Amino acid sequence: MTNMLCGCDGLPAKTGRREFIKLAALGGGAMLLAPRIAVAAGHAEALLLSCIDYRLTDKVAKYMDGRGLKENYDQVILAGASLGAVNTQFPDWGRTFNDHLGVAIKLHDIKRVIILDHRDCGAYRVIHSKDLTGEPEKKMHAVELHELARRIHAKHPKLAIETLLMSLDGSVETIA
C-alpha cells in the first residue's frame, strides 16, 4: 500500500508505507532536538499576557513593537488576560499561565511580565456577569491586575511586573 502525497514538500508523489514511516520518524527525531535549540536561542525581554479578543491582536503587536520589543517577548493569550489567570470559574487557565511563565523563565530568561487587559472585555461580562464602563470598569480591571501581579511576585520576586489597560483604540494606560 502507498500513501499519496502532493510532492509539494519535495517528497515523491507516491511514498511507500516504510518510507513514510522512516520520514515520519526522522521528523519526530528532529522535534526532539527543538527544545535544545530553543534553550540555546536564549533571551527574551518579557512575557506578555494579553486577551484573546480579535479586535486587538494587531493593536497589541503594534503597542509592543512601539516599545521596542518586536520579536523580543513571549506571549500567553487567555480570555480576560489577568482575569483569565486568576478566576476560579476556569482554574486550569491560571495553572496554564503559571506553567508558561515558568517555561519562559527557563527558556528565555525573561526579566519582566507585562499584563495587558483591555476595556470592553467580554470575559469580564461572562465571568463577573457585569457590564461596566468608565471608572467602575477600570477599578474592576485593577483588582484582577493587582491580584495577578501579587501572585507572580510571590513566586518570582525578581521579575518586574507591569499592569496595563488598553482601550479599543489601542491607547494604553498603566494601572498602578
N, C-alpha and C. Protein backbone atom coordinates (compact mmCIF):
# COMPACT_ATOMS: atom_id res chain seq x y z
N MET A 1 0.84 -1.18 0.00
CA MET A 1 0.00 0.00 0.00
C MET A 1 0.88 1.24 0.00
N THR A 2 0.49 2.27 -0.73
CA THR A 2 1.26 3.51 -0.78
C THR A 2 0.41 4.66 -0.27
N ASN A 3 1.09 5.65 0.27
CA ASN A 3 0.43 6.89 0.68
C ASN A 3 0.60 7.91 -0.42
N MET A 4 -0.43 8.58 -0.78
CA MET A 4 -0.35 9.59 -1.83
C MET A 4 -0.03 10.93 -1.17
N LEU A 5 1.08 11.51 -1.58
CA LEU A 5 1.47 12.82 -1.08
C LEU A 5 1.54 13.78 -2.24
N CYS A 6 1.36 15.03 -1.97
CA CYS A 6 1.28 16.02 -3.05
C CYS A 6 2.63 16.28 -3.71
N GLY A 7 3.72 15.94 -3.05
CA GLY A 7 5.02 16.23 -3.62
C GLY A 7 5.44 17.68 -3.38
N CYS A 8 4.60 18.48 -2.74
CA CYS A 8 4.91 19.90 -2.54
C CYS A 8 6.00 20.11 -1.51
N ASP A 9 6.32 19.09 -0.70
CA ASP A 9 7.37 19.20 0.30
C ASP A 9 8.68 18.63 -0.21
N GLY A 10 8.74 18.35 -1.51
CA GLY A 10 9.94 17.75 -2.05
C GLY A 10 9.92 16.24 -1.96
N LEU A 11 8.82 15.66 -1.47
CA LEU A 11 8.69 14.22 -1.39
C LEU A 11 8.11 13.69 -2.68
N PRO A 12 8.41 12.46 -3.03
CA PRO A 12 7.79 11.89 -4.22
C PRO A 12 6.28 11.85 -4.05
N ALA A 13 5.58 11.88 -5.15
CA ALA A 13 4.12 11.86 -5.09
C ALA A 13 3.62 10.57 -4.48
N LYS A 14 4.33 9.46 -4.66
CA LYS A 14 3.96 8.19 -4.03
C LYS A 14 5.10 7.77 -3.13
N THR A 15 4.77 7.53 -1.87
CA THR A 15 5.76 7.08 -0.92
C THR A 15 5.22 5.81 -0.29
N GLY A 16 6.03 4.74 -0.28
CA GLY A 16 5.60 3.51 0.35
C GLY A 16 5.47 3.67 1.85
N ARG A 17 4.75 2.73 2.45
CA ARG A 17 4.50 2.78 3.89
C ARG A 17 5.81 2.84 4.68
N ARG A 18 6.79 2.01 4.33
CA ARG A 18 8.06 2.02 5.06
C ARG A 18 8.78 3.36 4.92
N GLU A 19 8.80 3.90 3.71
CA GLU A 19 9.45 5.19 3.50
C GLU A 19 8.73 6.29 4.28
N PHE A 20 7.41 6.21 4.29
CA PHE A 20 6.61 7.20 5.02
C PHE A 20 6.92 7.14 6.51
N ILE A 21 6.99 5.92 7.06
CA ILE A 21 7.28 5.76 8.49
C ILE A 21 8.68 6.25 8.80
N LYS A 22 9.65 5.95 7.92
CA LYS A 22 11.01 6.44 8.12
C LYS A 22 11.05 7.97 8.14
N LEU A 23 10.36 8.58 7.18
CA LEU A 23 10.33 10.04 7.12
C LEU A 23 9.65 10.63 8.34
N ALA A 24 8.56 10.00 8.78
CA ALA A 24 7.86 10.48 9.97
C ALA A 24 8.75 10.36 11.20
N ALA A 25 9.47 9.24 11.29
CA ALA A 25 10.37 9.05 12.43
C ALA A 25 11.49 10.09 12.43
N LEU A 26 12.01 10.39 11.26
CA LEU A 26 13.05 11.42 11.17
C LEU A 26 12.52 12.77 11.61
N GLY A 27 11.29 13.08 11.20
CA GLY A 27 10.67 14.34 11.62
C GLY A 27 10.50 14.39 13.12
N GLY A 28 10.08 13.26 13.71
CA GLY A 28 9.92 13.19 15.16
C GLY A 28 11.23 13.37 15.87
N GLY A 29 12.31 12.78 15.30
CA GLY A 29 13.63 12.94 15.89
C GLY A 29 14.07 14.39 15.86
N ALA A 30 13.77 15.08 14.77
CA ALA A 30 14.11 16.50 14.68
C ALA A 30 13.37 17.30 15.74
N MET A 31 12.13 16.90 16.02
CA MET A 31 11.36 17.61 17.04
C MET A 31 11.97 17.42 18.42
N LEU A 32 12.61 16.28 18.67
CA LEU A 32 13.26 16.06 19.96
C LEU A 32 14.40 17.04 20.17
N LEU A 33 15.02 17.49 19.10
CA LEU A 33 16.11 18.45 19.20
C LEU A 33 15.62 19.87 19.42
N ALA A 34 14.37 20.16 19.10
CA ALA A 34 13.84 21.52 19.16
C ALA A 34 13.99 22.16 20.54
N PRO A 35 13.70 21.48 21.67
CA PRO A 35 13.88 22.14 22.96
C PRO A 35 15.32 22.57 23.20
N ARG A 36 16.30 21.79 22.77
CA ARG A 36 17.69 22.18 22.96
C ARG A 36 18.02 23.42 22.14
N ILE A 37 17.50 23.49 20.94
CA ILE A 37 17.72 24.65 20.09
C ILE A 37 17.09 25.88 20.74
N ALA A 38 15.88 25.74 21.28
CA ALA A 38 15.20 26.87 21.90
C ALA A 38 15.96 27.36 23.12
N VAL A 39 16.47 26.45 23.92
CA VAL A 39 17.23 26.86 25.10
C VAL A 39 18.47 27.63 24.66
N ALA A 40 19.12 27.14 23.64
CA ALA A 40 20.33 27.80 23.15
C ALA A 40 20.01 29.16 22.54
N ALA A 41 18.78 29.31 22.02
CA ALA A 41 18.38 30.55 21.37
C ALA A 41 18.40 31.70 22.36
N GLY A 42 18.11 31.45 23.61
CA GLY A 42 18.43 32.39 24.63
C GLY A 42 17.44 33.30 25.27
N HIS A 43 17.37 34.52 24.90
CA HIS A 43 16.83 35.56 25.75
C HIS A 43 15.64 36.27 25.11
N ALA A 44 14.64 36.52 25.92
CA ALA A 44 13.54 37.42 25.57
C ALA A 44 13.38 38.38 26.74
N GLU A 45 13.06 39.59 26.45
CA GLU A 45 12.95 40.61 27.49
C GLU A 45 11.78 40.34 28.45
N ALA A 46 10.65 39.89 27.90
CA ALA A 46 9.44 39.84 28.72
C ALA A 46 8.52 38.71 28.29
N LEU A 47 7.55 38.45 29.16
CA LEU A 47 6.41 37.62 28.83
C LEU A 47 5.20 38.55 28.84
N LEU A 48 4.45 38.55 27.77
CA LEU A 48 3.23 39.35 27.67
C LEU A 48 2.04 38.44 27.87
N LEU A 49 1.14 38.83 28.76
CA LEU A 49 -0.17 38.18 28.90
C LEU A 49 -1.20 39.14 28.35
N SER A 50 -1.94 38.69 27.35
CA SER A 50 -2.99 39.51 26.76
C SER A 50 -4.24 38.68 26.54
N CYS A 51 -5.29 39.32 26.06
CA CYS A 51 -6.60 38.70 25.88
C CYS A 51 -6.74 38.11 24.48
N ILE A 52 -7.71 37.23 24.32
CA ILE A 52 -7.98 36.59 23.04
C ILE A 52 -8.74 37.49 22.07
N ASP A 53 -9.19 38.63 22.49
CA ASP A 53 -10.09 39.46 21.68
C ASP A 53 -9.48 39.80 20.32
N TYR A 54 -10.14 39.34 19.28
CA TYR A 54 -9.66 39.52 17.90
C TYR A 54 -9.57 41.00 17.50
N ARG A 55 -10.33 41.86 18.16
CA ARG A 55 -10.32 43.28 17.81
C ARG A 55 -8.99 43.95 18.14
N LEU A 56 -8.20 43.31 18.99
CA LEU A 56 -7.00 43.98 19.50
C LEU A 56 -5.68 43.30 19.16
N THR A 57 -5.71 42.19 18.46
CA THR A 57 -4.44 41.47 18.22
C THR A 57 -3.42 42.35 17.49
N ASP A 58 -3.84 43.04 16.46
CA ASP A 58 -2.91 43.91 15.73
C ASP A 58 -2.46 45.09 16.59
N LYS A 59 -3.38 45.62 17.39
CA LYS A 59 -3.04 46.76 18.25
C LYS A 59 -2.06 46.36 19.35
N VAL A 60 -2.21 45.15 19.86
CA VAL A 60 -1.27 44.67 20.88
C VAL A 60 0.12 44.54 20.28
N ALA A 61 0.22 43.93 19.10
CA ALA A 61 1.52 43.79 18.44
C ALA A 61 2.13 45.16 18.14
N LYS A 62 1.32 46.09 17.65
CA LYS A 62 1.81 47.44 17.36
C LYS A 62 2.31 48.13 18.63
N TYR A 63 1.58 47.96 19.73
CA TYR A 63 1.99 48.53 21.01
C TYR A 63 3.35 47.96 21.44
N MET A 64 3.49 46.64 21.38
CA MET A 64 4.74 46.02 21.80
C MET A 64 5.90 46.43 20.88
N ASP A 65 5.64 46.50 19.58
CA ASP A 65 6.66 46.95 18.63
C ASP A 65 7.08 48.38 18.95
N GLY A 66 6.09 49.23 19.27
CA GLY A 66 6.36 50.63 19.59
C GLY A 66 7.19 50.80 20.85
N ARG A 67 7.19 49.81 21.70
CA ARG A 67 8.01 49.84 22.91
C ARG A 67 9.41 49.28 22.66
N GLY A 68 9.69 48.92 21.42
CA GLY A 68 10.99 48.37 21.09
C GLY A 68 11.13 46.90 21.43
N LEU A 69 10.01 46.20 21.57
CA LEU A 69 10.06 44.80 21.96
C LEU A 69 9.73 43.84 20.83
N LYS A 70 9.73 44.33 19.60
CA LYS A 70 9.42 43.45 18.46
C LYS A 70 10.34 42.23 18.50
N GLU A 71 9.73 41.05 18.43
CA GLU A 71 10.45 39.78 18.44
C GLU A 71 11.34 39.63 19.67
N ASN A 72 10.95 40.26 20.78
CA ASN A 72 11.74 40.18 22.00
C ASN A 72 10.85 39.91 23.21
N TYR A 73 9.73 39.20 22.98
CA TYR A 73 8.87 38.82 24.08
C TYR A 73 8.14 37.53 23.74
N ASP A 74 7.84 36.78 24.79
CA ASP A 74 6.98 35.61 24.68
C ASP A 74 5.56 36.10 24.94
N GLN A 75 4.57 35.33 24.52
CA GLN A 75 3.20 35.77 24.71
C GLN A 75 2.30 34.61 25.12
N VAL A 76 1.49 34.86 26.12
CA VAL A 76 0.42 33.95 26.53
C VAL A 76 -0.88 34.71 26.33
N ILE A 77 -1.86 34.05 25.76
CA ILE A 77 -3.15 34.69 25.49
C ILE A 77 -4.23 33.90 26.21
N LEU A 78 -4.95 34.58 27.10
CA LEU A 78 -6.08 33.99 27.82
C LEU A 78 -7.27 34.94 27.73
N ALA A 79 -8.45 34.41 27.64
CA ALA A 79 -9.64 35.25 27.70
C ALA A 79 -9.60 36.05 29.00
N GLY A 80 -9.69 37.36 28.88
CA GLY A 80 -9.68 38.21 30.07
C GLY A 80 -8.30 38.58 30.56
N ALA A 81 -7.25 38.05 29.96
CA ALA A 81 -5.86 38.32 30.36
C ALA A 81 -5.69 38.07 31.87
N SER A 82 -5.58 39.11 32.69
CA SER A 82 -5.37 38.90 34.13
C SER A 82 -6.51 38.11 34.76
N LEU A 83 -7.73 38.42 34.37
CA LEU A 83 -8.89 37.70 34.90
C LEU A 83 -8.80 36.22 34.55
N GLY A 84 -8.37 35.92 33.33
CA GLY A 84 -8.22 34.53 32.93
C GLY A 84 -7.25 33.77 33.81
N ALA A 85 -6.22 34.44 34.28
CA ALA A 85 -5.20 33.79 35.09
C ALA A 85 -5.58 33.65 36.56
N VAL A 86 -6.55 34.44 37.05
CA VAL A 86 -6.87 34.40 38.48
C VAL A 86 -8.29 33.95 38.80
N ASN A 87 -9.13 33.77 37.81
CA ASN A 87 -10.53 33.43 38.10
C ASN A 87 -10.66 32.02 38.66
N THR A 88 -11.75 31.78 39.37
CA THR A 88 -12.00 30.45 39.93
C THR A 88 -12.95 29.62 39.07
N GLN A 89 -13.61 30.23 38.12
CA GLN A 89 -14.53 29.50 37.24
C GLN A 89 -13.78 28.58 36.28
N PHE A 90 -12.60 29.00 35.85
CA PHE A 90 -11.75 28.22 34.94
C PHE A 90 -10.35 28.12 35.54
N PRO A 91 -10.19 27.35 36.61
CA PRO A 91 -8.90 27.34 37.33
C PRO A 91 -7.73 26.81 36.50
N ASP A 92 -7.99 25.99 35.51
CA ASP A 92 -6.90 25.47 34.68
C ASP A 92 -6.20 26.59 33.91
N TRP A 93 -6.90 27.67 33.63
CA TRP A 93 -6.28 28.78 32.91
C TRP A 93 -5.13 29.37 33.71
N GLY A 94 -5.34 29.52 35.02
CA GLY A 94 -4.28 30.05 35.89
C GLY A 94 -3.09 29.12 35.94
N ARG A 95 -3.35 27.82 36.03
CA ARG A 95 -2.26 26.85 36.03
C ARG A 95 -1.50 26.91 34.71
N THR A 96 -2.25 27.04 33.62
CA THR A 96 -1.61 27.14 32.31
C THR A 96 -0.71 28.37 32.24
N PHE A 97 -1.21 29.51 32.71
CA PHE A 97 -0.39 30.72 32.71
C PHE A 97 0.88 30.50 33.53
N ASN A 98 0.74 29.95 34.72
CA ASN A 98 1.91 29.74 35.58
C ASN A 98 2.91 28.79 34.94
N ASP A 99 2.42 27.75 34.28
CA ASP A 99 3.32 26.82 33.59
C ASP A 99 4.08 27.54 32.47
N HIS A 100 3.38 28.34 31.69
CA HIS A 100 4.03 29.08 30.61
C HIS A 100 5.03 30.10 31.15
N LEU A 101 4.69 30.74 32.24
CA LEU A 101 5.62 31.68 32.86
C LEU A 101 6.90 30.96 33.27
N GLY A 102 6.77 29.80 33.89
CA GLY A 102 7.94 29.03 34.29
C GLY A 102 8.81 28.63 33.10
N VAL A 103 8.17 28.25 32.00
CA VAL A 103 8.91 27.87 30.80
C VAL A 103 9.62 29.10 30.21
N ALA A 104 8.94 30.24 30.19
CA ALA A 104 9.55 31.46 29.65
C ALA A 104 10.77 31.88 30.47
N ILE A 105 10.71 31.68 31.77
CA ILE A 105 11.85 31.99 32.62
C ILE A 105 13.01 31.05 32.29
N LYS A 106 12.72 29.76 32.18
CA LYS A 106 13.77 28.77 31.92
C LYS A 106 14.34 28.88 30.51
N LEU A 107 13.48 29.02 29.53
CA LEU A 107 13.94 29.04 28.14
C LEU A 107 14.56 30.36 27.72
N HIS A 108 13.94 31.46 28.14
CA HIS A 108 14.32 32.75 27.58
C HIS A 108 14.78 33.76 28.61
N ASP A 109 14.90 33.33 29.86
CA ASP A 109 15.45 34.19 30.91
C ASP A 109 14.76 35.55 30.95
N ILE A 110 13.41 35.54 30.88
CA ILE A 110 12.67 36.81 30.90
C ILE A 110 12.93 37.55 32.21
N LYS A 111 12.82 38.87 32.14
CA LYS A 111 13.07 39.71 33.31
C LYS A 111 11.81 40.41 33.80
N ARG A 112 10.75 40.38 32.98
CA ARG A 112 9.51 41.05 33.40
C ARG A 112 8.30 40.40 32.76
N VAL A 113 7.17 40.67 33.40
CA VAL A 113 5.87 40.22 32.90
C VAL A 113 5.05 41.47 32.62
N ILE A 114 4.48 41.53 31.45
CA ILE A 114 3.60 42.63 31.05
C ILE A 114 2.20 42.05 30.97
N ILE A 115 1.32 42.54 31.83
CA ILE A 115 -0.07 42.07 31.84
C ILE A 115 -0.91 43.15 31.20
N LEU A 116 -1.53 42.82 30.08
CA LEU A 116 -2.26 43.80 29.29
C LEU A 116 -3.73 43.41 29.18
N ASP A 117 -4.55 43.99 30.05
CA ASP A 117 -6.01 43.84 29.96
C ASP A 117 -6.53 44.85 28.93
N HIS A 118 -7.81 44.77 28.62
CA HIS A 118 -8.39 45.78 27.73
C HIS A 118 -9.83 46.08 28.12
N ARG A 119 -10.26 47.26 27.73
CA ARG A 119 -11.63 47.71 28.00
C ARG A 119 -12.61 46.94 27.12
N ASP A 120 -13.86 46.92 27.55
CA ASP A 120 -14.94 46.25 26.83
C ASP A 120 -14.63 44.77 26.62
N CYS A 121 -14.14 44.13 27.67
CA CYS A 121 -13.72 42.74 27.60
C CYS A 121 -14.90 41.81 27.89
N GLY A 122 -15.20 40.96 26.93
CA GLY A 122 -16.31 40.01 27.07
C GLY A 122 -16.09 39.00 28.18
N ALA A 123 -14.85 38.63 28.45
CA ALA A 123 -14.58 37.66 29.52
C ALA A 123 -15.02 38.21 30.88
N TYR A 124 -14.88 39.50 31.07
CA TYR A 124 -15.35 40.11 32.33
C TYR A 124 -16.86 39.99 32.45
N ARG A 125 -17.57 40.18 31.34
CA ARG A 125 -19.03 40.02 31.36
C ARG A 125 -19.42 38.57 31.64
N VAL A 126 -18.71 37.63 31.04
CA VAL A 126 -19.03 36.21 31.23
C VAL A 126 -18.71 35.77 32.66
N ILE A 127 -17.54 36.08 33.15
CA ILE A 127 -17.10 35.58 34.45
C ILE A 127 -17.69 36.37 35.61
N HIS A 128 -17.78 37.70 35.48
CA HIS A 128 -18.32 38.53 36.57
C HIS A 128 -19.80 38.84 36.42
N SER A 129 -20.37 38.53 35.28
CA SER A 129 -21.78 38.83 35.00
C SER A 129 -22.10 40.31 35.19
N LYS A 130 -21.14 41.15 34.80
CA LYS A 130 -21.32 42.60 34.89
C LYS A 130 -20.84 43.23 33.60
N ASP A 131 -21.51 44.27 33.19
CA ASP A 131 -21.12 45.02 32.01
C ASP A 131 -20.84 46.45 32.44
N LEU A 132 -19.59 46.72 32.79
CA LEU A 132 -19.22 48.02 33.32
C LEU A 132 -18.47 48.83 32.27
N THR A 133 -18.51 50.14 32.45
CA THR A 133 -17.74 51.06 31.62
C THR A 133 -17.12 52.11 32.51
N GLY A 134 -16.26 52.92 31.93
CA GLY A 134 -15.70 54.06 32.65
C GLY A 134 -14.86 53.66 33.85
N GLU A 135 -14.97 54.45 34.90
CA GLU A 135 -14.17 54.25 36.11
C GLU A 135 -14.50 52.93 36.81
N PRO A 136 -15.77 52.51 36.92
CA PRO A 136 -16.04 51.20 37.53
C PRO A 136 -15.37 50.05 36.78
N GLU A 137 -15.35 50.11 35.46
CA GLU A 137 -14.67 49.09 34.66
C GLU A 137 -13.17 49.09 34.96
N LYS A 138 -12.58 50.28 35.00
CA LYS A 138 -11.15 50.40 35.28
C LYS A 138 -10.81 49.83 36.66
N LYS A 139 -11.66 50.09 37.65
CA LYS A 139 -11.43 49.57 39.00
C LYS A 139 -11.50 48.05 39.03
N MET A 140 -12.44 47.47 38.26
CA MET A 140 -12.56 46.02 38.21
C MET A 140 -11.29 45.40 37.60
N HIS A 141 -10.80 46.00 36.53
CA HIS A 141 -9.55 45.52 35.93
C HIS A 141 -8.40 45.66 36.92
N ALA A 142 -8.36 46.76 37.64
CA ALA A 142 -7.28 46.99 38.61
C ALA A 142 -7.24 45.88 39.66
N VAL A 143 -8.40 45.44 40.11
CA VAL A 143 -8.46 44.37 41.11
C VAL A 143 -7.81 43.10 40.56
N GLU A 144 -8.18 42.71 39.35
CA GLU A 144 -7.65 41.48 38.76
C GLU A 144 -6.17 41.62 38.41
N LEU A 145 -5.79 42.76 37.84
CA LEU A 145 -4.38 43.01 37.52
C LEU A 145 -3.50 42.95 38.76
N HIS A 146 -3.94 43.60 39.82
CA HIS A 146 -3.15 43.62 41.05
C HIS A 146 -3.08 42.24 41.69
N GLU A 147 -4.16 41.47 41.63
CA GLU A 147 -4.14 40.12 42.19
C GLU A 147 -3.15 39.24 41.45
N LEU A 148 -3.16 39.31 40.12
CA LEU A 148 -2.20 38.50 39.37
C LEU A 148 -0.77 38.98 39.63
N ALA A 149 -0.57 40.26 39.69
CA ALA A 149 0.77 40.79 39.98
C ALA A 149 1.25 40.30 41.35
N ARG A 150 0.36 40.29 42.32
CA ARG A 150 0.71 39.80 43.65
C ARG A 150 1.14 38.33 43.59
N ARG A 151 0.38 37.52 42.86
CA ARG A 151 0.68 36.09 42.76
C ARG A 151 2.01 35.85 42.05
N ILE A 152 2.25 36.59 40.98
CA ILE A 152 3.52 36.43 40.26
C ILE A 152 4.67 36.83 41.16
N HIS A 153 4.54 37.96 41.85
CA HIS A 153 5.61 38.44 42.72
C HIS A 153 5.90 37.45 43.85
N ALA A 154 4.86 36.79 44.37
CA ALA A 154 5.06 35.81 45.44
C ALA A 154 5.92 34.63 44.98
N LYS A 155 5.75 34.21 43.73
CA LYS A 155 6.50 33.07 43.21
C LYS A 155 7.82 33.48 42.55
N HIS A 156 7.86 34.67 42.00
CA HIS A 156 9.03 35.13 41.24
C HIS A 156 9.36 36.57 41.62
N PRO A 157 9.87 36.79 42.83
CA PRO A 157 10.08 38.16 43.33
C PRO A 157 11.07 39.00 42.53
N LYS A 158 11.91 38.39 41.71
CA LYS A 158 12.89 39.16 40.93
C LYS A 158 12.31 39.70 39.63
N LEU A 159 11.14 39.21 39.22
CA LEU A 159 10.55 39.69 37.97
C LEU A 159 9.90 41.06 38.16
N ALA A 160 10.12 41.95 37.23
CA ALA A 160 9.38 43.21 37.18
C ALA A 160 8.00 42.89 36.61
N ILE A 161 6.99 43.61 37.04
CA ILE A 161 5.62 43.36 36.58
C ILE A 161 4.98 44.68 36.20
N GLU A 162 4.41 44.70 35.01
CA GLU A 162 3.67 45.88 34.53
C GLU A 162 2.20 45.50 34.41
N THR A 163 1.33 46.39 34.88
CA THR A 163 -0.11 46.17 34.78
C THR A 163 -0.69 47.30 33.92
N LEU A 164 -1.27 46.90 32.80
CA LEU A 164 -1.71 47.87 31.79
C LEU A 164 -3.15 47.61 31.37
N LEU A 165 -3.79 48.67 30.86
CA LEU A 165 -5.15 48.58 30.35
C LEU A 165 -5.21 49.28 29.00
N MET A 166 -5.63 48.52 27.98
CA MET A 166 -5.71 49.05 26.62
C MET A 166 -7.15 49.41 26.30
N SER A 167 -7.32 50.56 25.66
CA SER A 167 -8.63 50.94 25.14
C SER A 167 -8.79 50.34 23.75
N LEU A 168 -10.01 50.32 23.25
CA LEU A 168 -10.25 49.72 21.94
C LEU A 168 -9.55 50.47 20.81
N ASP A 169 -9.15 51.72 21.06
CA ASP A 169 -8.41 52.47 20.03
C ASP A 169 -6.92 52.15 20.03
N GLY A 170 -6.47 51.29 20.97
CA GLY A 170 -5.07 50.91 21.05
C GLY A 170 -4.25 51.70 22.05
N SER A 171 -4.83 52.75 22.63
CA SER A 171 -4.09 53.52 23.63
C SER A 171 -4.00 52.69 24.91
N VAL A 172 -2.91 52.88 25.65
CA VAL A 172 -2.63 52.06 26.83
C VAL A 172 -2.33 52.96 28.02
N GLU A 173 -2.89 52.58 29.17
CA GLU A 173 -2.59 53.29 30.40
C GLU A 173 -2.07 52.31 31.44
N THR A 174 -1.20 52.80 32.29
CA THR A 174 -0.68 51.98 33.39
C THR A 174 -1.68 51.98 34.53
N ILE A 175 -1.91 50.81 35.08
CA ILE A 175 -2.78 50.68 36.25
C ILE A 175 -1.87 50.46 37.45
N ALA A 176 -1.72 51.51 38.25
CA ALA A 176 -0.80 51.45 39.40
C ALA A 176 -1.49 50.90 40.63
